[in-house]
Structure formats: structure tokens, C-alpha cells
Amino acid sequence: MAGYNRAVGMPNYSSSSGGYFIPELWAPRIQVKFYAKSAFREISNTMYEGDIKKFGDVVNIRTYPSITIGNYVKGQALDIQVPSSTPTSLTINKGKYFNVLVDDVDEAQSDINLLDEFAKAAGEDIAVAIDRDVLQNVYSSADTDNVGTTAGVSSGGFDLGESTDPVLLTKVNILDTIVDANSVLDEQNVPDDERWIVLPPIFTNLISKSDLKDCSMTGDKESIIRNGKIGKIDNMTIYMSNNLYSVTDGTTSNTCWYCLFGHPIAISFAEQLVETYIERANNTFGKFLRGLHVYGYDVTKAEGLGYIYAEKG
């Protein structure tokens, strides 16, 4: 900073100009960082988290077999079925880490606890990185009957968009499209409770401009919180996220988003913070703040997951 305005000939005592009589002051608080809202914990289940121990562990998940139901007439011979099912697995094969060096001099002279603040920031940034990893990859494992221009396992009657033919979302049709996604889950007999949909801000903006202008109509008393939850429409909890996968459509040349919807039973997630510790640096005077976060996820019930391929109309 150049210091306070002064008349010609008056000396400049500010520290930025080489003077030492007027010190440069720093606010004792670190400026708030606006982290991307993370939704992955809200839209997945963690029922197998207690079974993991270390990186590389595989949790085998049993699945229910389909039982054949036959018609019966008195005195008939009964057909025999031997039920079988193919288990699915959840592998703990992903990891995120941080490694921060804080010099002893900086730590001693700082008016805030640098190690504490950096640890807090690292934890938030890891959550955002994992959220982006999950949201931008699970869409490809959605059930084929829950996506596309003929979505719906029974009717094929719902247009949820596909590559080169996206749904053009506007404030007029945004609510109808959410209802259509919910109906796709109905046709898959997905449980009514805990259904969700994740939308980017450009589409939640359309909800605010639609016939559902009053946020209290969503049934929530509070505004958007850290997980991006903004309310409920037609039995689906709406989450807002900047971490959804998006592409430039080959036909429209516009940005299109893979807007996920489903039920927590569809995505299994397990995380494990293996280590967070402070260690003396061996080649300088300072300390390392290090953390390793090990996790895994998979779509273990594809019938409970779908997406809307959409652009702003």
C-alpha cells in the first residue's frame, strides 16, 4: 500500500515504501474460503464403511436373487428353482493426500495457529475433491432404463435427454422434468424415502424462477447449507453442486450437465482417514502437516441411479 495521501515534500513513513515508522497490519482472521458444496455423503450409503481396514480392501456385497413366481392349479407338479445371485464388490482403491510445510519462523511470528488453519483448509479441500470424483464418475454406471430419451423401465415414456439431444431446461419445464425423473424411479420400484437429485446452480436458478418461487413450499425452513440441500420437490430432495460432470454437446455446442438422481442405496461409499500428523522436517527448520484419506465407492444398485442430460434452454 502507498500509505495515506500527503502533500508534496512530506516524507512517506509507510512500510510499503521502505519506511519503518508505520507498520503494515494484518487481520488476525484468515479470510473465509468459499468451498464448493459437497453432496456425496448425502446421496450415497455408508453401510459397509465399518468393514474396511486398509487401502486395497475389498468388501463383497451380497445381492438378493430374483425368485420366479408361478401360477398354481390344484394337483399340479411344482417347478423347482434354485435361487442364485452374483455378489458385487466395493474396493477401497482411492486416496487423497496433503503435505504442507510450515517454517518454524513463520509459525513463531504468526498471530494465528497456522497448522490448525491449514489442517482445517485441507480437510475441506479433500471433501471437495472426493465430491468431484464421485459426482463426475458414477453417472456412467446408471441403469440404462433410467437415462435417455425413452427412459422408464416399464413405459419408456420419459425424455431425460441424451448426447446430441439434450433436454432444454427452462423455468417452464424444470419442475415437470424433476417429476419425470421421480417417475422413472417409480417404475424401478425404488423406495420412496430419501430420493434425491443433484443440479448445477444454472438449473436451481430456474426452480427459483418457476411456479415454485417460494422456498418454503419445498418444506424446508432453512436456506442452502454446506451440503447444497435446497428443499424437496415431488418427494425428491434437491441438492445444488458445482461438481457435476459437464461436456460441450457435439450438436448444440452448448454446455450440458449430467444431472444425477436416485436413492442412496444405489451408491455405496466408504471412507477412512488413515493418518493426519505433524512431523519435523529433516532438511530445514519447520514442520510438515501431512494427511492421507483413503476411500472407495461404486454403484452397487444401478436401478436406483439415473441422470438427466440437459442444457439451459
Protein backbone atom coordinates (compact mmCIF):
# COMPACT_ATOMS: atom_id res chain seq x y z
CA MET A 1 0.00 0.00 0.00
CA ALA A 2 1.20 3.51 -0.74
CA GLY A 3 0.07 4.92 2.61
CA TYR A 4 -2.06 7.95 3.40
CA ASN A 5 -2.15 10.82 0.89
CA ARG A 6 0.37 13.51 1.71
CA ALA A 7 1.39 16.92 0.49
CA VAL A 8 4.44 17.40 -1.70
CA GLY A 9 7.61 17.28 0.38
CA MET A 10 6.14 15.27 3.24
CA PRO A 11 8.04 12.01 3.97
CA ASN A 12 6.40 8.60 3.47
CA TYR A 13 6.84 6.52 6.60
CA SER A 14 4.73 3.57 5.48
CA SER A 15 6.37 0.14 5.47
CA SER A 16 5.47 -0.46 1.82
CA SER A 17 7.69 2.43 0.75
CA GLY A 18 10.71 1.50 2.79
CA GLY A 19 9.76 3.40 5.92
CA TYR A 20 9.56 1.70 9.30
CA PHE A 21 7.51 4.05 11.46
CA ILE A 22 4.06 2.97 10.27
CA PRO A 23 3.80 -0.84 10.33
CA GLU A 24 1.64 -2.84 7.95
CA LEU A 25 -1.14 -4.53 9.92
CA TRP A 26 -2.76 -7.90 9.19
CA ALA A 27 -6.19 -9.00 10.30
CA PRO A 28 -5.93 -11.87 12.82
CA ARG A 29 -8.53 -13.93 10.94
CA ILE A 30 -7.94 -15.81 7.72
CA GLN A 31 -10.35 -14.71 5.01
CA VAL A 32 -13.24 -17.13 4.62
CA LYS A 33 -12.78 -19.54 1.73
CA PHE A 34 -15.91 -20.43 -0.22
CA TYR A 35 -15.74 -24.19 -0.67
CA ALA A 36 -17.80 -25.97 -3.29
CA LYS A 37 -20.79 -27.59 -1.65
CA SER A 38 -20.24 -31.34 -1.33
CA ALA A 39 -23.21 -33.68 -1.67
CA PHE A 40 -21.64 -37.14 -1.98
CA ARG A 41 -22.24 -38.04 1.67
CA GLU A 42 -25.91 -37.16 1.32
CA ILE A 43 -26.62 -39.17 -1.84
CA SER A 44 -24.74 -42.38 -1.02
CA ASN A 45 -24.87 -45.04 1.67
CA THR A 46 -22.00 -45.89 4.02
CA MET A 47 -23.36 -49.19 5.36
CA TYR A 48 -20.15 -51.07 4.52
CA GLU A 49 -17.76 -48.48 5.94
CA GLY A 50 -17.14 -50.47 9.11
CA ASP A 51 -15.84 -53.41 7.09
CA ILE A 52 -12.80 -51.63 5.66
CA LYS A 53 -9.42 -51.68 7.34
CA LYS A 54 -6.81 -50.52 4.85
CA PHE A 55 -6.12 -49.40 1.29
CA GLY A 56 -6.91 -52.18 -1.17
CA ASP A 57 -9.56 -53.88 0.96
CA VAL A 58 -12.47 -55.38 -0.93
CA VAL A 59 -15.91 -55.64 0.64
CA ASN A 60 -18.06 -58.32 -1.03
CA ILE A 61 -21.72 -57.32 -1.03
CA ARG A 62 -24.43 -59.97 -1.28
CA THR A 63 -27.38 -59.31 -3.58
CA TYR A 64 -30.90 -60.69 -3.39
CA PRO A 65 -31.79 -63.25 -6.07
CA SER A 66 -34.88 -62.94 -8.24
CA ILE A 67 -37.50 -65.54 -7.34
CA THR A 68 -39.74 -66.90 -10.09
CA ILE A 69 -43.43 -66.73 -9.19
CA GLY A 70 -45.64 -69.25 -10.99
CA ASN A 71 -49.36 -69.86 -11.37
CA TYR A 72 -50.78 -72.77 -9.41
CA VAL A 73 -53.64 -75.18 -10.14
CA LYS A 74 -54.69 -77.92 -7.78
CA GLY A 75 -52.73 -81.14 -8.12
CA GLN A 76 -50.01 -79.81 -10.49
CA ALA A 77 -46.32 -80.75 -10.30
CA LEU A 78 -44.29 -77.80 -8.97
CA ASP A 79 -41.38 -76.38 -10.92
CA ILE A 80 -38.18 -76.18 -8.92
CA GLN A 81 -36.00 -73.10 -8.81
CA VAL A 82 -32.58 -72.93 -7.18
CA PRO A 83 -32.02 -69.20 -6.47
CA SER A 84 -28.63 -67.75 -7.30
CA SER A 85 -27.19 -64.27 -7.24
CA THR A 86 -23.96 -62.59 -8.24
CA PRO A 87 -22.34 -60.57 -5.45
CA THR A 88 -20.93 -57.14 -6.16
CA SER A 89 -17.86 -55.65 -4.51
CA LEU A 90 -16.68 -52.35 -3.10
CA THR A 91 -12.95 -51.80 -3.41
CA ILE A 92 -11.08 -49.27 -1.29
CA ASN A 93 -8.70 -48.14 -4.03
CA LYS A 94 -8.62 -44.35 -4.00
CA GLY A 95 -6.63 -41.92 -1.93
CA LYS A 96 -6.12 -38.19 -1.47
CA TYR A 97 -3.29 -36.60 0.48
CA PHE A 98 -1.85 -33.25 1.53
CA ASN A 99 1.68 -32.35 2.58
CA VAL A 100 2.20 -28.82 3.88
CA LEU A 101 5.42 -27.31 5.23
CA VAL A 102 5.24 -24.58 7.86
CA ASP A 103 8.55 -22.91 8.64
CA ASP A 104 9.40 -22.52 12.34
CA VAL A 105 9.95 -18.79 11.92
CA ASP A 106 6.56 -18.32 10.29
CA GLU A 107 4.90 -20.39 13.00
CA ALA A 108 6.56 -18.38 15.77
CA GLN A 109 5.83 -14.97 14.26
CA SER A 110 2.29 -15.64 13.06
CA ASP A 111 -0.59 -14.28 15.15
CA ILE A 112 -2.76 -17.29 14.20
CA ASN A 113 -2.21 -21.03 14.53
CA LEU A 114 -1.06 -21.82 11.01
CA LEU A 115 -1.06 -25.59 11.48
CA ASP A 116 -4.65 -25.61 12.75
CA GLU A 117 -5.90 -23.34 9.98
CA PHE A 118 -4.09 -25.27 7.25
CA ALA A 119 -5.43 -28.58 8.61
CA LYS A 120 -8.97 -27.20 8.51
CA ALA A 121 -8.49 -25.96 4.92
CA ALA A 122 -7.02 -29.30 3.83
CA GLY A 123 -9.97 -31.20 5.26
CA GLU A 124 -12.42 -29.02 3.35
CA ASP A 125 -10.44 -29.31 0.12
CA ILE A 126 -10.28 -33.11 0.39
CA ALA A 127 -14.07 -33.23 0.80
CA VAL A 128 -14.49 -31.15 -2.36
CA ALA A 129 -12.01 -33.32 -4.30
CA ILE A 130 -13.81 -36.53 -3.28
CA ASP A 131 -17.19 -35.00 -4.10
CA ARG A 132 -16.00 -34.10 -7.58
CA ASP A 133 -14.55 -37.59 -8.05
CA VAL A 134 -17.84 -39.29 -7.12
CA LEU A 135 -20.25 -36.99 -8.97
CA GLN A 136 -18.23 -36.95 -12.18
CA ASN A 137 -17.85 -40.72 -12.45
CA VAL A 138 -20.91 -42.58 -11.16
CA TYR A 139 -23.20 -41.31 -13.93
CA SER A 140 -21.72 -43.84 -16.38
CA SER A 141 -22.96 -46.73 -14.21
CA ALA A 142 -26.60 -45.62 -14.11
CA ASP A 143 -29.18 -48.17 -15.22
CA THR A 144 -29.81 -47.89 -18.97
CA ASP A 145 -33.57 -47.75 -18.33
CA ASN A 146 -33.08 -44.65 -16.17
CA VAL A 147 -31.47 -42.47 -18.85
CA GLY A 148 -32.01 -41.30 -22.41
CA THR A 149 -34.92 -40.04 -24.45
CA THR A 150 -37.02 -43.14 -23.72
CA ALA A 151 -36.34 -43.58 -20.00
CA GLY A 152 -38.62 -45.74 -17.89
CA VAL A 153 -38.23 -49.48 -17.50
CA SER A 154 -41.97 -50.09 -18.00
CA SER A 155 -43.13 -47.27 -20.26
CA GLY A 156 -40.07 -45.82 -21.98
CA GLY A 157 -42.11 -42.65 -21.86
CA PHE A 158 -39.80 -40.07 -20.29
CA ASP A 159 -37.37 -37.86 -22.18
CA LEU A 160 -34.33 -37.27 -19.96
CA GLY A 161 -32.03 -36.33 -22.83
CA GLU A 162 -29.01 -37.95 -24.39
CA SER A 163 -25.80 -36.94 -26.13
CA THR A 164 -26.58 -34.74 -29.17
CA ASP A 165 -30.22 -34.46 -27.99
CA PRO A 166 -30.24 -32.83 -24.55
CA VAL A 167 -33.27 -31.73 -22.59
CA LEU A 168 -33.59 -27.94 -22.83
CA LEU A 169 -34.44 -26.91 -19.29
CA THR A 170 -36.35 -23.68 -18.69
CA LYS A 171 -38.31 -22.21 -15.80
CA VAL A 172 -41.42 -23.58 -17.52
CA ASN A 173 -40.41 -27.27 -17.71
CA ILE A 174 -37.85 -27.68 -14.88
CA LEU A 175 -40.45 -28.95 -12.39
CA ASP A 176 -42.02 -31.33 -14.91
CA THR A 177 -38.59 -32.80 -15.68
CA ILE A 178 -37.88 -33.42 -11.99
CA VAL A 179 -41.26 -35.16 -11.70
CA ASP A 180 -40.38 -37.29 -14.75
CA ALA A 181 -37.11 -38.36 -13.11
CA ASN A 182 -39.05 -39.32 -9.99
CA SER A 183 -41.46 -41.36 -12.11
CA VAL A 184 -38.52 -43.23 -13.65
CA LEU A 185 -37.58 -44.33 -10.13
CA ASP A 186 -41.20 -45.29 -9.50
CA GLU A 187 -41.05 -47.70 -12.44
CA GLN A 188 -37.94 -49.29 -10.90
CA ASN A 189 -39.77 -49.73 -7.56
CA VAL A 190 -37.12 -47.62 -5.82
CA PRO A 191 -38.09 -46.81 -2.19
CA ASP A 192 -39.98 -43.53 -1.86
CA ASP A 193 -37.94 -42.18 1.02
CA GLU A 194 -34.53 -40.49 0.61
CA ARG A 195 -34.78 -39.94 -3.14
CA TRP A 196 -32.56 -37.11 -4.40
CA ILE A 197 -31.47 -35.13 -7.43
CA VAL A 198 -28.32 -33.04 -7.88
CA LEU A 199 -28.44 -29.95 -10.10
CA PRO A 200 -25.92 -27.24 -11.01
CA PRO A 201 -26.70 -23.64 -9.98
CA ILE A 202 -27.85 -22.74 -13.51
CA PHE A 203 -30.78 -25.17 -13.07
CA THR A 204 -31.61 -24.48 -9.42
CA ASN A 205 -31.85 -20.88 -10.59
CA LEU A 206 -34.68 -21.97 -12.90
CA ILE A 207 -36.51 -23.54 -9.95
CA SER A 208 -36.42 -20.18 -8.19
CA LYS A 209 -37.95 -18.56 -11.27
CA SER A 210 -40.56 -21.28 -11.84
CA ASP A 211 -44.02 -21.61 -10.33
CA LEU A 212 -42.28 -22.82 -7.17
CA LYS A 213 -40.89 -19.41 -6.26
CA ASP A 214 -41.46 -19.61 -2.51
CA CYS A 215 -38.70 -21.70 -0.95
CA SER A 216 -41.00 -22.53 1.96
CA MET A 217 -43.06 -24.60 -0.49
CA THR A 218 -40.20 -27.09 -0.60
CA GLY A 219 -40.90 -27.95 3.03
CA ASP A 220 -37.59 -26.64 4.37
CA LYS A 221 -37.23 -23.91 6.98
CA GLU A 222 -33.59 -23.15 6.19
CA SER A 223 -31.78 -21.90 3.11
CA ILE A 224 -28.93 -23.69 1.32
CA ILE A 225 -26.35 -25.21 3.69
CA ARG A 226 -22.93 -26.73 3.18
CA ASN A 227 -24.23 -29.91 1.50
CA GLY A 228 -26.16 -27.87 -1.08
CA LYS A 229 -29.61 -29.06 0.04
CA ILE A 230 -32.26 -26.61 -1.11
CA GLY A 231 -35.54 -28.42 -0.45
CA LYS A 232 -37.80 -31.16 -1.72
CA ILE A 233 -39.92 -31.39 -4.89
CA ASP A 234 -42.22 -34.35 -5.60
CA ASN A 235 -40.57 -36.48 -2.91
CA MET A 236 -37.05 -35.73 -4.23
CA THR A 237 -34.55 -33.78 -2.15
CA ILE A 238 -32.82 -31.20 -4.33
CA TYR A 239 -29.08 -30.63 -3.93
CA MET A 240 -27.05 -27.95 -5.67
CA SER A 241 -23.46 -28.68 -6.70
CA ASN A 242 -20.77 -27.20 -8.93
CA ASN A 243 -19.08 -30.60 -9.13
CA LEU A 244 -21.35 -32.40 -11.62
CA TYR A 245 -19.83 -33.70 -14.83
CA SER A 246 -20.43 -31.43 -17.82
CA VAL A 247 -19.48 -31.52 -21.51
CA THR A 248 -19.84 -29.42 -24.62
CA ASP A 249 -22.54 -31.16 -26.63
CA GLY A 250 -21.47 -32.18 -30.13
CA THR A 251 -24.71 -30.99 -31.74
CA THR A 252 -25.74 -27.89 -29.81
CA SER A 253 -22.18 -26.76 -28.93
CA ASN A 254 -23.57 -25.72 -25.54
CA THR A 255 -22.59 -26.91 -22.06
CA CYS A 256 -24.61 -29.92 -20.93
CA TRP A 257 -24.68 -31.40 -17.44
CA TYR A 258 -25.23 -34.97 -16.27
CA CYS A 259 -27.74 -34.20 -13.52
CA LEU A 260 -27.77 -37.23 -11.23
CA PHE A 261 -30.85 -38.52 -9.45
CA GLY A 262 -31.56 -41.63 -7.44
CA HIS A 263 -31.60 -43.19 -3.99
CA PRO A 264 -28.71 -43.67 -1.51
CA ILE A 265 -29.00 -47.44 -1.90
CA ALA A 266 -27.55 -47.07 -5.42
CA ILE A 267 -24.11 -45.72 -4.46
CA SER A 268 -22.00 -47.36 -1.78
CA PHE A 269 -19.25 -45.20 -0.32
CA ALA A 270 -16.65 -45.94 2.31
CA GLU A 271 -14.00 -43.56 3.56
CA GLN A 272 -11.16 -43.82 6.03
CA LEU A 273 -8.88 -41.06 7.22
CA VAL A 274 -5.79 -43.18 7.63
CA GLU A 275 -3.38 -40.63 9.05
CA THR A 276 -3.07 -36.96 9.89
CA TYR A 277 0.06 -35.94 11.72
CA ILE A 278 2.71 -33.28 12.22
CA GLU A 279 6.35 -34.24 11.63
CA ARG A 280 9.61 -32.34 11.91
CA ALA A 281 11.22 -31.55 8.55
CA ASN A 282 14.65 -33.16 8.20
CA ASN A 283 16.27 -30.66 5.85
CA THR A 284 15.01 -27.34 7.17
CA PHE A 285 13.60 -25.74 10.32
CA GLY A 286 9.92 -26.45 10.04
CA LYS A 287 7.11 -28.93 10.39
CA PHE A 288 5.20 -30.99 7.87
CA LEU A 289 1.43 -31.23 8.20
CA ARG A 290 0.51 -34.44 6.38
CA GLY A 291 -2.76 -36.22 5.80
CA LEU A 292 -3.90 -39.26 3.84
CA HIS A 293 -7.53 -40.05 3.09
CA VAL A 294 -8.39 -43.48 1.70
CA TYR A 295 -11.82 -44.25 0.26
CA GLY A 296 -13.75 -46.20 -2.32
CA TYR A 297 -17.15 -46.07 -3.99
CA ASP A 298 -19.18 -47.99 -6.53
CA VAL A 299 -22.67 -48.14 -7.97
CA THR A 300 -23.94 -51.28 -6.25
CA LYS A 301 -27.63 -50.95 -7.17
CA ALA A 302 -27.81 -49.40 -10.65
CA GLU A 303 -31.63 -49.48 -10.74
CA GLY A 304 -31.57 -46.70 -8.15
CA LEU A 305 -29.46 -44.30 -10.23
CA GLY A 306 -30.18 -42.20 -13.31
CA TYR A 307 -29.36 -38.85 -14.84
CA ILE A 308 -30.86 -36.04 -16.88
CA TYR A 309 -28.63 -34.89 -19.74
CA ALA A 310 -29.58 -31.24 -20.02
CA GLU A 311 -28.63 -27.76 -21.09
CA LYS A 312 -30.19 -24.42 -20.32
CA GLY A 313 -32.98 -23.65 -22.74
